[in-house]
Amino acid sequence: MVNYDIIAYYIGSNILVYMLIHIPLDLITYRRKTDRYKENAKDYPTCENQNFTKIITLITSLVFWVFVIFWPILHISNIDDFILFFNFAIPFVGEVFQITGLVLVGLGTFIASIGRISRGTKAISWGVPKELTKKWGFRIVRHPLYASYCYYFLGIPLAMLNYLLIPLIIGGFSDII
């Protein structure tokens, strides 16, 4: 098994990088938000199962953020026994799963960070953009933030091998349902 101290520091540092890039840019974006940006934007199309998808997304996002913010702190403080109680072992391949999970977390942080930097002060909630962005993270995947959540929602459960985190895997595929 991979050392959970390493996993705690790795997950904590990845989320710290994510927040240090996203929060300042989001604050600047919010301050610059004006109606002139929204005038010519069309709304994004919605899916028919929107309520079901929203519920799954909300629950899994909540589980994800609570876990990645608080578990590293609880682990470093040696008060995470309740969470670690639900860890399980997979003979022969458990360590490979954990390392794969950590790689996915790192990839998620990388994609989310370069995607957010390339978006600059434009807000995705302002509607469909008039032109396709093809720089930085958007050159790698069409929507870096969604891709990063898929990587996180699969990587965190694999890295931890914890029954409490299995709902994240479902959340990673909630848009397909």
Foldseek 3Di string as FASTA:
>chain_A
DDDVLVVLVLLQVLVVLLCVQPVVQAVLLVVPDDCVLLPPADADDDDPCRVVLVVLLVVLVVVLVCCSVPVSVCVVVVNCVVQLVQADADPPCLVVLQVQLSVLLVVLSLLSRQQSVQCGSDDPRSHDDPDQDCDGSCVVPVHSNLSSLLSNLRSVCSNRNGPVSVSSNVSNCSVVD
